N, C-alpha and C. Protein backbone atom coordinates (compact mmCIF):
# COMPACT_ATOMS: atom_id res chain seq x y z
N UNK A 1 96.30 73.28 116.96
CA UNK A 1 96.89 74.62 116.74
C UNK A 1 97.09 74.83 115.25
N UNK A 2 96.58 75.95 114.74
CA UNK A 2 96.67 76.22 113.31
C UNK A 2 98.07 76.66 112.92
N UNK A 3 98.59 76.06 111.88
CA UNK A 3 99.95 76.37 111.44
C UNK A 3 99.91 77.16 110.14
N UNK A 4 100.55 78.31 110.11
CA UNK A 4 100.56 79.13 108.92
C UNK A 4 101.38 78.46 107.83
N UNK A 5 100.92 78.67 106.58
CA UNK A 5 101.64 78.10 105.45
C UNK A 5 102.99 78.78 105.27
N UNK A 6 103.01 80.09 105.43
CA UNK A 6 104.24 80.85 105.30
C UNK A 6 104.50 81.59 106.61
N UNK A 7 105.76 81.87 106.86
CA UNK A 7 106.09 82.67 108.03
C UNK A 7 105.54 84.07 107.84
N UNK A 8 105.29 84.80 108.94
CA UNK A 8 104.81 86.18 108.81
C UNK A 8 105.72 87.04 107.95
N UNK A 9 107.02 86.77 107.99
CA UNK A 9 107.96 87.57 107.19
C UNK A 9 107.74 87.35 105.71
N UNK A 10 107.55 86.10 105.30
CA UNK A 10 107.32 85.79 103.88
C UNK A 10 106.00 86.39 103.42
N UNK A 11 104.94 86.22 104.22
CA UNK A 11 103.63 86.77 103.87
C UNK A 11 103.70 88.29 103.76
N UNK A 12 104.41 88.91 104.69
CA UNK A 12 104.55 90.35 104.68
C UNK A 12 105.30 90.82 103.44
N UNK A 13 106.34 90.09 103.06
CA UNK A 13 107.11 90.45 101.88
C UNK A 13 106.27 90.36 100.62
N UNK A 14 105.47 89.28 100.50
CA UNK A 14 104.58 89.15 99.35
C UNK A 14 103.62 90.32 99.25
N UNK A 15 103.06 90.69 100.39
CA UNK A 15 102.13 91.83 100.42
C UNK A 15 102.81 93.12 99.96
N UNK A 16 104.00 93.37 100.49
CA UNK A 16 104.68 94.63 100.18
C UNK A 16 105.09 94.71 98.72
N UNK A 17 105.58 93.61 98.17
CA UNK A 17 105.96 93.62 96.75
C UNK A 17 104.73 93.85 95.87
N UNK A 18 103.64 93.15 96.19
CA UNK A 18 102.40 93.36 95.44
C UNK A 18 101.89 94.78 95.56
N UNK A 19 101.95 95.34 96.76
CA UNK A 19 101.51 96.71 96.97
C UNK A 19 102.32 97.69 96.13
N UNK A 20 103.63 97.49 96.09
CA UNK A 20 104.48 98.42 95.36
C UNK A 20 104.21 98.38 93.85
N UNK A 21 104.11 97.17 93.29
CA UNK A 21 103.91 97.10 91.84
C UNK A 21 102.51 97.58 91.45
N UNK A 22 101.51 97.31 92.29
CA UNK A 22 100.17 97.83 92.00
C UNK A 22 100.14 99.35 92.14
N UNK A 23 100.88 99.88 93.10
CA UNK A 23 100.95 101.34 93.26
C UNK A 23 101.58 101.99 92.03
N UNK A 24 102.61 101.37 91.48
CA UNK A 24 103.21 101.86 90.25
C UNK A 24 102.18 101.88 89.13
N UNK A 25 101.40 100.80 89.03
CA UNK A 25 100.35 100.72 88.02
C UNK A 25 99.35 101.85 88.16
N UNK A 26 98.86 102.07 89.40
CA UNK A 26 97.89 103.14 89.62
C UNK A 26 98.47 104.51 89.34
N UNK A 27 99.71 104.75 89.76
CA UNK A 27 100.35 106.04 89.55
C UNK A 27 100.57 106.31 88.06
N UNK A 28 100.96 105.29 87.31
CA UNK A 28 101.16 105.46 85.87
C UNK A 28 99.86 105.80 85.16
N UNK A 29 98.77 105.14 85.57
CA UNK A 29 97.47 105.47 84.97
C UNK A 29 97.09 106.91 85.29
N UNK A 30 97.38 107.35 86.51
CA UNK A 30 97.07 108.72 86.90
C UNK A 30 97.84 109.72 86.04
N UNK A 31 99.11 109.42 85.76
CA UNK A 31 99.89 110.29 84.90
C UNK A 31 99.30 110.33 83.50
N UNK A 32 98.90 109.16 82.99
CA UNK A 32 98.31 109.11 81.65
C UNK A 32 97.00 109.89 81.59
N UNK A 33 96.29 109.95 82.74
CA UNK A 33 95.05 110.71 82.82
C UNK A 33 95.29 112.19 83.14
N UNK A 34 96.56 112.56 83.27
CA UNK A 34 96.94 113.95 83.54
C UNK A 34 96.50 114.43 84.91
N UNK A 35 96.52 113.54 85.92
CA UNK A 35 96.20 113.92 87.29
C UNK A 35 97.36 114.70 87.89
N UNK A 36 97.06 115.52 88.92
CA UNK A 36 98.13 116.21 89.63
C UNK A 36 98.76 115.26 90.65
N UNK A 37 99.72 115.76 91.41
CA UNK A 37 100.48 114.88 92.30
C UNK A 37 99.58 114.25 93.37
N UNK A 38 98.57 114.99 93.84
CA UNK A 38 97.65 114.41 94.83
C UNK A 38 96.83 113.30 94.19
N UNK A 39 96.36 113.54 92.97
CA UNK A 39 95.60 112.51 92.26
C UNK A 39 96.43 111.27 92.00
N UNK A 40 97.71 111.47 91.68
CA UNK A 40 98.61 110.34 91.47
C UNK A 40 98.73 109.52 92.75
N UNK A 41 98.90 110.22 93.90
CA UNK A 41 99.03 109.53 95.18
C UNK A 41 97.76 108.77 95.54
N UNK A 42 96.61 109.37 95.32
CA UNK A 42 95.34 108.72 95.64
C UNK A 42 95.16 107.46 94.80
N UNK A 43 95.41 107.57 93.50
CA UNK A 43 95.22 106.41 92.63
C UNK A 43 96.23 105.31 92.96
N UNK A 44 97.44 105.70 93.33
CA UNK A 44 98.44 104.70 93.73
C UNK A 44 97.99 103.98 95.00
N UNK A 45 97.53 104.73 95.99
CA UNK A 45 97.10 104.14 97.26
C UNK A 45 95.90 103.21 97.06
N UNK A 46 94.91 103.67 96.33
CA UNK A 46 93.69 102.88 96.14
C UNK A 46 93.99 101.59 95.38
N UNK A 47 94.80 101.70 94.32
CA UNK A 47 95.13 100.51 93.54
C UNK A 47 95.90 99.50 94.37
N UNK A 48 96.83 99.99 95.17
CA UNK A 48 97.69 99.11 95.94
C UNK A 48 96.99 98.48 97.14
N UNK A 49 96.11 99.21 97.79
CA UNK A 49 95.58 98.77 99.08
C UNK A 49 94.12 98.34 99.05
N UNK A 50 93.39 98.68 97.99
CA UNK A 50 91.95 98.42 97.97
C UNK A 50 91.60 96.95 98.17
N UNK A 51 92.21 96.07 97.38
CA UNK A 51 91.90 94.65 97.50
C UNK A 51 92.35 94.06 98.82
N UNK A 52 93.51 94.47 99.31
CA UNK A 52 94.03 93.96 100.57
C UNK A 52 93.19 94.41 101.76
N UNK A 53 92.71 95.64 101.72
CA UNK A 53 91.84 96.13 102.80
C UNK A 53 90.56 95.30 102.88
N UNK A 54 89.97 95.04 101.71
CA UNK A 54 88.75 94.23 101.68
C UNK A 54 89.03 92.83 102.22
N UNK A 55 90.14 92.24 101.81
CA UNK A 55 90.51 90.90 102.29
C UNK A 55 90.65 90.88 103.81
N UNK A 56 91.39 91.85 104.36
CA UNK A 56 91.64 91.86 105.80
C UNK A 56 90.35 92.04 106.60
N UNK A 57 89.43 92.87 106.08
CA UNK A 57 88.16 93.06 106.77
C UNK A 57 87.32 91.79 106.75
N UNK A 58 87.34 91.08 105.64
CA UNK A 58 86.54 89.85 105.52
C UNK A 58 87.07 88.77 106.46
N UNK A 59 88.38 88.60 106.53
CA UNK A 59 88.96 87.52 107.35
C UNK A 59 89.13 87.92 108.81
N UNK A 60 88.84 89.18 109.14
CA UNK A 60 88.93 89.62 110.53
C UNK A 60 90.32 90.02 110.97
N UNK A 61 91.19 90.33 110.00
CA UNK A 61 92.54 90.80 110.35
C UNK A 61 92.49 92.31 110.55
N UNK A 62 91.95 92.68 111.73
CA UNK A 62 91.74 94.10 112.00
C UNK A 62 92.54 94.53 113.24
N UNK A 63 92.96 95.82 113.28
CA UNK A 63 92.87 96.75 112.16
C UNK A 63 93.72 96.28 110.99
N UNK A 64 93.29 96.59 109.76
CA UNK A 64 94.05 96.14 108.58
C UNK A 64 95.50 96.59 108.64
N UNK A 65 96.37 95.75 108.08
CA UNK A 65 97.81 96.04 108.13
C UNK A 65 98.15 97.38 107.51
N UNK A 66 97.34 97.82 106.56
CA UNK A 66 97.61 99.08 105.88
C UNK A 66 97.62 100.26 106.85
N UNK A 67 96.95 100.10 108.02
CA UNK A 67 96.88 101.19 108.99
C UNK A 67 97.81 100.98 110.18
N UNK A 68 98.51 99.87 110.21
CA UNK A 68 99.35 99.60 111.38
C UNK A 68 100.82 99.39 111.04
N UNK A 69 101.15 99.30 109.77
CA UNK A 69 102.52 98.98 109.35
C UNK A 69 103.01 100.06 108.39
N UNK A 70 104.10 100.72 108.75
CA UNK A 70 104.63 101.79 107.91
C UNK A 70 105.05 101.29 106.53
N UNK A 71 105.34 100.00 106.43
CA UNK A 71 105.72 99.44 105.13
C UNK A 71 104.61 99.56 104.10
N UNK A 72 103.37 99.68 104.57
CA UNK A 72 102.25 99.77 103.64
C UNK A 72 102.06 101.18 103.10
N UNK A 73 102.97 102.07 103.44
CA UNK A 73 102.95 103.41 102.83
C UNK A 73 103.85 103.46 101.60
N UNK A 74 104.24 102.28 101.10
CA UNK A 74 105.04 102.21 99.88
C UNK A 74 104.40 102.93 98.69
N UNK A 75 103.05 102.98 98.58
CA UNK A 75 102.47 103.72 97.46
C UNK A 75 102.94 105.17 97.38
N UNK A 76 103.30 105.78 98.52
CA UNK A 76 103.80 107.15 98.48
C UNK A 76 105.16 107.19 97.80
N UNK A 77 105.99 106.18 98.04
CA UNK A 77 107.28 106.10 97.35
C UNK A 77 107.06 105.88 95.86
N UNK A 78 106.12 105.02 95.53
CA UNK A 78 105.80 104.79 94.12
C UNK A 78 105.31 106.07 93.46
N UNK A 79 104.55 106.87 94.20
CA UNK A 79 104.08 108.15 93.67
C UNK A 79 105.24 109.05 93.30
N UNK A 80 106.21 109.15 94.20
CA UNK A 80 107.37 110.00 93.94
C UNK A 80 108.18 109.51 92.74
N UNK A 81 108.38 108.19 92.67
CA UNK A 81 109.15 107.63 91.57
C UNK A 81 108.47 107.91 90.23
N UNK A 82 107.17 107.69 90.18
CA UNK A 82 106.45 107.90 88.93
C UNK A 82 106.36 109.39 88.60
N UNK A 83 106.19 110.21 89.62
CA UNK A 83 106.07 111.66 89.39
C UNK A 83 107.31 112.21 88.70
N UNK A 84 108.48 111.75 89.14
CA UNK A 84 109.72 112.30 88.59
C UNK A 84 110.32 111.46 87.46
N UNK A 85 110.04 110.15 87.45
CA UNK A 85 110.76 109.29 86.53
C UNK A 85 109.87 108.53 85.55
N UNK A 86 108.62 108.95 85.39
CA UNK A 86 107.73 108.21 84.51
C UNK A 86 108.25 108.24 83.06
N UNK A 87 107.99 107.17 82.30
CA UNK A 87 108.49 107.09 80.93
C UNK A 87 107.78 108.09 80.03
N UNK A 88 108.18 108.13 78.78
CA UNK A 88 107.53 109.03 77.84
C UNK A 88 106.06 108.67 77.70
N UNK A 89 105.26 109.66 77.38
CA UNK A 89 103.81 109.48 77.37
C UNK A 89 103.39 108.30 76.50
N UNK A 90 103.98 108.17 75.34
CA UNK A 90 103.57 107.10 74.44
C UNK A 90 103.90 105.71 74.96
N UNK A 91 104.71 105.61 76.01
CA UNK A 91 105.08 104.31 76.56
C UNK A 91 104.36 104.01 77.88
N UNK A 92 103.52 104.92 78.33
CA UNK A 92 102.88 104.74 79.63
C UNK A 92 101.96 103.53 79.66
N UNK A 93 101.20 103.26 78.60
CA UNK A 93 100.26 102.16 78.63
C UNK A 93 100.97 100.83 78.81
N UNK A 94 102.12 100.69 78.18
CA UNK A 94 102.89 99.45 78.35
C UNK A 94 103.30 99.28 79.80
N UNK A 95 103.74 100.37 80.42
CA UNK A 95 104.13 100.30 81.82
C UNK A 95 102.97 99.94 82.72
N UNK A 96 101.82 100.54 82.47
CA UNK A 96 100.62 100.23 83.25
C UNK A 96 100.29 98.74 83.15
N UNK A 97 100.32 98.20 81.94
CA UNK A 97 99.95 96.81 81.73
C UNK A 97 100.91 95.84 82.43
N UNK A 98 102.20 96.11 82.33
CA UNK A 98 103.19 95.21 82.92
C UNK A 98 103.10 95.21 84.44
N UNK A 99 103.04 96.39 85.04
CA UNK A 99 102.97 96.46 86.50
C UNK A 99 101.64 95.94 87.02
N UNK A 100 100.57 96.18 86.28
CA UNK A 100 99.27 95.68 86.69
C UNK A 100 99.25 94.16 86.67
N UNK A 101 99.84 93.56 85.63
CA UNK A 101 99.90 92.10 85.53
C UNK A 101 100.74 91.51 86.66
N UNK A 102 101.84 92.18 86.99
CA UNK A 102 102.69 91.71 88.09
C UNK A 102 101.94 91.76 89.42
N UNK A 103 101.24 92.86 89.67
CA UNK A 103 100.47 92.98 90.90
C UNK A 103 99.35 91.94 90.96
N UNK A 104 98.73 91.68 89.82
CA UNK A 104 97.66 90.68 89.75
C UNK A 104 98.18 89.32 90.20
N UNK A 105 99.35 88.92 89.67
CA UNK A 105 99.91 87.64 90.03
C UNK A 105 100.31 87.55 91.50
N UNK A 106 100.95 88.58 92.00
CA UNK A 106 101.40 88.57 93.39
C UNK A 106 100.22 88.57 94.36
N UNK A 107 99.20 89.37 94.08
CA UNK A 107 98.11 89.50 95.03
C UNK A 107 97.18 88.30 95.04
N UNK A 108 96.99 87.63 93.90
CA UNK A 108 96.11 86.46 93.93
C UNK A 108 96.73 85.36 94.78
N UNK A 109 98.05 85.26 94.77
CA UNK A 109 98.73 84.26 95.60
C UNK A 109 98.75 84.68 97.07
N UNK A 110 99.16 85.92 97.33
CA UNK A 110 99.22 86.41 98.71
C UNK A 110 97.84 86.41 99.36
N UNK A 111 96.81 86.81 98.59
CA UNK A 111 95.46 86.84 99.14
C UNK A 111 94.93 85.47 99.47
N UNK A 112 95.19 84.50 98.61
CA UNK A 112 94.72 83.14 98.85
C UNK A 112 95.39 82.52 100.07
N UNK A 113 96.70 82.67 100.16
CA UNK A 113 97.41 82.07 101.29
C UNK A 113 97.02 82.73 102.61
N UNK A 114 96.86 84.04 102.62
CA UNK A 114 96.50 84.71 103.87
C UNK A 114 95.09 84.33 104.31
N UNK A 115 94.17 84.23 103.35
CA UNK A 115 92.80 83.83 103.69
C UNK A 115 92.79 82.42 104.29
N UNK A 116 93.58 81.52 103.71
CA UNK A 116 93.63 80.15 104.24
C UNK A 116 94.29 80.14 105.61
N UNK A 117 95.31 80.96 105.79
CA UNK A 117 95.96 81.05 107.09
C UNK A 117 94.99 81.49 108.18
N UNK A 118 93.96 82.24 107.81
CA UNK A 118 92.98 82.72 108.79
C UNK A 118 91.78 81.79 108.91
N UNK A 119 91.88 80.59 108.32
CA UNK A 119 90.87 79.58 108.58
C UNK A 119 89.80 79.40 107.54
N UNK A 120 89.86 80.11 106.41
CA UNK A 120 88.87 79.91 105.37
C UNK A 120 89.14 78.61 104.62
N UNK A 121 88.09 78.06 104.01
CA UNK A 121 88.24 76.86 103.19
C UNK A 121 88.95 77.19 101.88
N UNK A 122 89.26 76.14 101.13
CA UNK A 122 90.03 76.33 99.91
C UNK A 122 89.28 77.17 98.88
N UNK A 123 88.00 76.88 98.67
CA UNK A 123 87.23 77.64 97.68
C UNK A 123 87.10 79.10 98.08
N UNK A 124 86.76 79.32 99.34
CA UNK A 124 86.62 80.70 99.83
C UNK A 124 87.96 81.43 99.78
N UNK A 125 89.03 80.75 100.08
CA UNK A 125 90.35 81.36 100.04
C UNK A 125 90.71 81.78 98.62
N UNK A 126 90.42 80.89 97.65
CA UNK A 126 90.70 81.23 96.25
C UNK A 126 89.87 82.42 95.79
N UNK A 127 88.61 82.46 96.20
CA UNK A 127 87.74 83.60 95.84
C UNK A 127 88.27 84.90 96.43
N UNK A 128 88.73 84.82 97.67
CA UNK A 128 89.26 86.02 98.31
C UNK A 128 90.60 86.42 97.70
N UNK A 129 91.37 85.43 97.23
CA UNK A 129 92.59 85.74 96.51
C UNK A 129 92.28 86.50 95.23
N UNK A 130 91.25 86.06 94.52
CA UNK A 130 90.81 86.78 93.32
C UNK A 130 90.40 88.20 93.65
N UNK A 131 89.61 88.36 94.71
CA UNK A 131 89.15 89.69 95.11
C UNK A 131 90.33 90.59 95.49
N UNK A 132 91.30 90.03 96.18
CA UNK A 132 92.49 90.79 96.55
C UNK A 132 93.21 91.29 95.31
N UNK A 133 93.26 90.44 94.29
CA UNK A 133 94.01 90.77 93.08
C UNK A 133 93.31 91.83 92.23
N UNK A 134 91.99 91.75 92.12
CA UNK A 134 91.29 92.64 91.18
C UNK A 134 90.63 93.83 91.86
N UNK A 135 90.47 93.78 93.19
CA UNK A 135 89.73 94.85 93.88
C UNK A 135 90.33 96.22 93.70
N UNK A 136 91.66 96.34 93.87
CA UNK A 136 92.31 97.63 93.72
C UNK A 136 92.21 98.16 92.29
N UNK A 137 92.32 97.25 91.31
CA UNK A 137 92.22 97.67 89.92
C UNK A 137 90.83 98.19 89.58
N UNK A 138 89.81 97.56 90.15
CA UNK A 138 88.44 98.02 89.92
C UNK A 138 88.26 99.44 90.48
N UNK A 139 88.70 99.65 91.71
CA UNK A 139 88.60 100.99 92.32
C UNK A 139 89.40 102.02 91.54
N UNK A 140 90.58 101.62 91.06
CA UNK A 140 91.42 102.51 90.25
C UNK A 140 90.68 102.97 89.01
N UNK A 141 90.06 102.02 88.29
CA UNK A 141 89.36 102.37 87.06
C UNK A 141 88.16 103.27 87.33
N UNK A 142 87.44 103.00 88.42
CA UNK A 142 86.28 103.83 88.75
C UNK A 142 86.71 105.26 89.03
N UNK A 143 87.76 105.44 89.83
CA UNK A 143 88.24 106.78 90.15
C UNK A 143 88.82 107.48 88.93
N UNK A 144 89.34 106.71 87.98
CA UNK A 144 89.89 107.29 86.76
C UNK A 144 88.81 107.49 85.70
N UNK A 145 87.55 107.29 86.09
CA UNK A 145 86.40 107.51 85.21
C UNK A 145 86.41 106.56 84.02
N UNK A 146 86.76 105.29 84.29
CA UNK A 146 86.71 104.26 83.27
C UNK A 146 85.86 103.10 83.77
N UNK A 147 85.16 102.44 82.85
CA UNK A 147 84.45 101.23 83.23
C UNK A 147 85.50 100.18 83.58
N UNK A 148 85.41 99.55 84.76
CA UNK A 148 86.44 98.59 85.16
C UNK A 148 86.66 97.52 84.09
N UNK A 149 87.92 97.23 83.82
CA UNK A 149 88.27 96.21 82.83
C UNK A 149 87.62 94.88 83.16
N UNK A 150 87.42 94.63 84.44
CA UNK A 150 86.83 93.38 84.90
C UNK A 150 85.44 93.16 84.32
N UNK A 151 84.72 94.24 83.99
CA UNK A 151 83.32 94.15 83.58
C UNK A 151 83.11 94.31 82.08
N UNK A 152 84.15 94.56 81.33
CA UNK A 152 83.99 94.87 79.91
C UNK A 152 84.38 93.67 79.05
N UNK A 153 83.46 93.28 78.18
CA UNK A 153 83.73 92.15 77.30
C UNK A 153 84.80 92.50 76.27
N UNK A 154 84.91 93.80 75.93
CA UNK A 154 85.84 94.20 74.88
C UNK A 154 87.24 94.48 75.42
N UNK A 155 87.51 94.07 76.65
CA UNK A 155 88.84 94.19 77.22
C UNK A 155 89.44 92.80 77.38
N UNK A 156 90.73 92.73 77.29
CA UNK A 156 91.41 91.44 77.40
C UNK A 156 91.26 90.85 78.80
N UNK A 157 91.35 89.52 78.87
CA UNK A 157 91.10 88.80 80.13
C UNK A 157 91.86 89.43 81.29
N UNK A 158 91.14 89.69 82.37
CA UNK A 158 91.73 90.31 83.56
C UNK A 158 91.56 89.42 84.79
N UNK A 159 90.31 89.01 85.03
CA UNK A 159 90.05 88.19 86.21
C UNK A 159 90.50 86.75 86.02
N UNK A 160 90.40 86.23 84.80
CA UNK A 160 90.73 84.82 84.57
C UNK A 160 92.16 84.46 84.98
N UNK A 161 93.19 85.28 84.64
CA UNK A 161 94.53 84.94 85.12
C UNK A 161 94.62 84.88 86.63
N UNK A 162 93.91 85.78 87.32
CA UNK A 162 93.92 85.75 88.79
C UNK A 162 93.20 84.52 89.32
N UNK A 163 92.12 84.11 88.64
CA UNK A 163 91.42 82.89 89.04
C UNK A 163 92.35 81.68 88.91
N UNK A 164 93.10 81.64 87.81
CA UNK A 164 94.02 80.52 87.60
C UNK A 164 95.10 80.49 88.68
N UNK A 165 95.68 81.67 88.98
CA UNK A 165 96.70 81.73 90.02
C UNK A 165 96.18 81.33 91.38
N UNK A 166 95.00 81.82 91.73
CA UNK A 166 94.40 81.47 93.03
C UNK A 166 94.07 79.98 93.09
N UNK A 167 93.54 79.44 91.99
CA UNK A 167 93.20 78.02 91.96
C UNK A 167 94.44 77.15 92.08
N UNK A 168 95.54 77.57 91.45
CA UNK A 168 96.79 76.82 91.58
C UNK A 168 97.24 76.75 93.04
N UNK A 169 97.14 77.87 93.74
CA UNK A 169 97.53 77.89 95.15
C UNK A 169 96.62 76.98 95.97
N UNK A 170 95.31 77.06 95.72
CA UNK A 170 94.37 76.22 96.45
C UNK A 170 94.65 74.73 96.22
N UNK A 171 94.95 74.36 94.98
CA UNK A 171 95.25 72.96 94.68
C UNK A 171 96.55 72.52 95.35
N UNK A 172 97.53 73.42 95.36
CA UNK A 172 98.79 73.09 96.03
C UNK A 172 98.58 72.88 97.53
N UNK A 173 97.71 73.71 98.12
CA UNK A 173 97.40 73.53 99.54
C UNK A 173 96.70 72.18 99.75
N UNK A 174 95.75 71.90 98.87
CA UNK A 174 94.99 70.64 98.99
C UNK A 174 95.89 69.42 98.96
N UNK A 175 96.90 69.45 98.13
CA UNK A 175 97.78 68.29 97.99
C UNK A 175 99.12 68.49 98.70
N UNK A 176 99.14 69.44 99.63
CA UNK A 176 100.30 69.68 100.48
C UNK A 176 101.57 69.89 99.66
N UNK A 177 101.42 70.67 98.59
CA UNK A 177 102.55 70.92 97.69
C UNK A 177 102.89 72.40 97.61
N UNK A 178 102.35 73.20 98.54
CA UNK A 178 102.61 74.64 98.47
C UNK A 178 103.98 74.95 99.07
N UNK A 179 104.86 75.47 98.25
CA UNK A 179 106.20 75.85 98.65
C UNK A 179 106.50 77.21 98.03
N UNK A 180 107.58 77.86 98.42
CA UNK A 180 107.94 79.10 97.74
C UNK A 180 108.06 78.93 96.22
N UNK A 181 108.52 77.76 95.78
CA UNK A 181 108.65 77.53 94.34
C UNK A 181 107.28 77.46 93.66
N UNK A 182 106.36 76.65 94.22
CA UNK A 182 105.05 76.52 93.59
C UNK A 182 104.25 77.82 93.71
N UNK A 183 104.46 78.56 94.80
CA UNK A 183 103.81 79.87 94.92
C UNK A 183 104.33 80.82 93.84
N UNK A 184 105.65 80.81 93.64
CA UNK A 184 106.22 81.64 92.59
C UNK A 184 105.73 81.23 91.22
N UNK A 185 105.54 79.93 91.02
CA UNK A 185 105.02 79.44 89.75
C UNK A 185 103.60 79.95 89.51
N UNK A 186 102.79 80.00 90.57
CA UNK A 186 101.42 80.52 90.45
C UNK A 186 101.45 82.00 90.10
N UNK A 187 102.36 82.75 90.73
CA UNK A 187 102.50 84.18 90.42
C UNK A 187 102.87 84.36 88.95
N UNK A 188 103.87 83.62 88.50
CA UNK A 188 104.34 83.75 87.12
C UNK A 188 103.26 83.33 86.13
N UNK A 189 102.51 82.28 86.46
CA UNK A 189 101.45 81.82 85.58
C UNK A 189 100.39 82.89 85.38
N UNK A 190 99.93 83.48 86.47
CA UNK A 190 98.92 84.55 86.37
C UNK A 190 99.48 85.75 85.60
N UNK A 191 100.73 86.09 85.88
CA UNK A 191 101.38 87.22 85.22
C UNK A 191 101.49 86.98 83.70
N UNK A 192 101.97 85.80 83.32
CA UNK A 192 102.15 85.49 81.90
C UNK A 192 100.80 85.39 81.18
N UNK A 193 99.81 84.78 81.83
CA UNK A 193 98.48 84.69 81.21
C UNK A 193 97.91 86.06 80.93
N UNK A 194 98.09 86.98 81.88
CA UNK A 194 97.59 88.34 81.67
C UNK A 194 98.31 89.03 80.52
N UNK A 195 99.63 88.87 80.44
CA UNK A 195 100.38 89.48 79.35
C UNK A 195 100.02 88.85 78.01
N UNK A 196 99.82 87.53 77.98
CA UNK A 196 99.42 86.87 76.74
C UNK A 196 98.03 87.33 76.31
N UNK A 197 97.14 87.51 77.29
CA UNK A 197 95.80 88.01 76.96
C UNK A 197 95.88 89.39 76.34
N UNK A 198 96.78 90.22 76.85
CA UNK A 198 96.97 91.55 76.29
C UNK A 198 97.58 91.48 74.89
N UNK A 199 98.51 90.56 74.73
CA UNK A 199 99.21 90.45 73.45
C UNK A 199 98.31 89.90 72.35
N UNK A 200 97.52 88.88 72.68
CA UNK A 200 96.71 88.21 71.66
C UNK A 200 95.23 88.52 71.77
N UNK A 201 94.88 89.43 72.67
CA UNK A 201 93.51 89.91 72.82
C UNK A 201 92.54 88.77 73.13
N UNK A 202 92.92 87.96 74.13
CA UNK A 202 92.02 86.92 74.59
C UNK A 202 90.91 87.56 75.41
N UNK A 203 89.68 87.16 75.13
CA UNK A 203 88.53 87.75 75.82
C UNK A 203 87.54 86.68 76.22
N UNK A 204 86.79 86.97 77.26
CA UNK A 204 85.77 86.03 77.72
C UNK A 204 84.56 86.10 76.79
N UNK A 205 83.86 84.98 76.61
CA UNK A 205 82.69 84.98 75.71
C UNK A 205 81.53 85.75 76.31
N UNK A 206 80.72 86.30 75.42
CA UNK A 206 79.48 86.95 75.86
C UNK A 206 78.35 85.93 75.86
N UNK A 207 77.12 86.41 76.11
CA UNK A 207 75.96 85.52 76.18
C UNK A 207 75.81 84.74 74.88
N UNK A 208 75.42 83.49 75.00
CA UNK A 208 75.28 82.61 73.84
C UNK A 208 74.24 83.14 72.86
N UNK A 209 74.60 83.19 71.58
CA UNK A 209 73.71 83.66 70.52
C UNK A 209 73.19 85.07 70.76
N UNK A 210 74.04 85.90 71.32
CA UNK A 210 73.63 87.28 71.60
C UNK A 210 73.39 88.02 70.29
N UNK A 211 72.20 88.63 70.16
CA UNK A 211 71.86 89.39 68.95
C UNK A 211 71.33 90.77 69.29
N UNK A 212 71.76 91.30 70.42
CA UNK A 212 71.27 92.60 70.86
C UNK A 212 71.72 93.70 69.92
N UNK A 213 70.87 94.72 69.75
CA UNK A 213 71.21 95.87 68.92
C UNK A 213 71.75 97.03 69.74
N UNK A 214 71.94 96.79 71.05
CA UNK A 214 72.46 97.85 71.91
C UNK A 214 73.87 98.22 71.47
N UNK A 215 74.15 99.51 71.42
CA UNK A 215 75.47 99.98 71.03
C UNK A 215 76.49 99.61 72.08
N UNK A 216 77.65 99.11 71.67
CA UNK A 216 78.68 98.71 72.61
C UNK A 216 79.10 99.89 73.46
N UNK A 217 79.29 99.60 74.76
CA UNK A 217 79.74 100.64 75.68
C UNK A 217 78.60 101.29 76.44
N UNK A 218 77.33 101.02 76.00
CA UNK A 218 76.17 101.57 76.70
C UNK A 218 75.90 100.79 77.98
């Protein structure tokens, strides 16, 4: 009999917290892009639920929780909060970055543990944790008419912090050391790495000895 790593209540709480902070991130970007209230709601929903929907479909957790649990409508609450209480325009980017980093950390851990709970191996679980963490952000950027940060060399590390967080969870599972404390440590590690990447502009390397004359951004 397969035993879940976390109780359904703990897993559900991780999902909801991640959904809320990612929804804040998407809503703040929508405000910065001057979207109307419907656009804010759409971007909040997509950012918060995109990666989780993909994860649930892959592991066979259908219908996805986003369509069966009223708690997953938290992005609508985030929309209202941001619509009325968003910070001054010049401070919006900082808010986007902080909430996005928080969601990245929470989702890479929640995604990895849920994938493993549904019977995937450690490597596959970590990969799905990464997808859970970055999927909503990719969809958010596409809808906001931006090249996803995940694909741009001139943007600070985005996927790497999620990879580190997911790998930490997988290693903890492998050595039977996964606890609420170590899970929280993985969340904080991914969160801090993302913020440090933003602060010090850490970026992934491009192709070795690249000498292309193509204009950046093409």
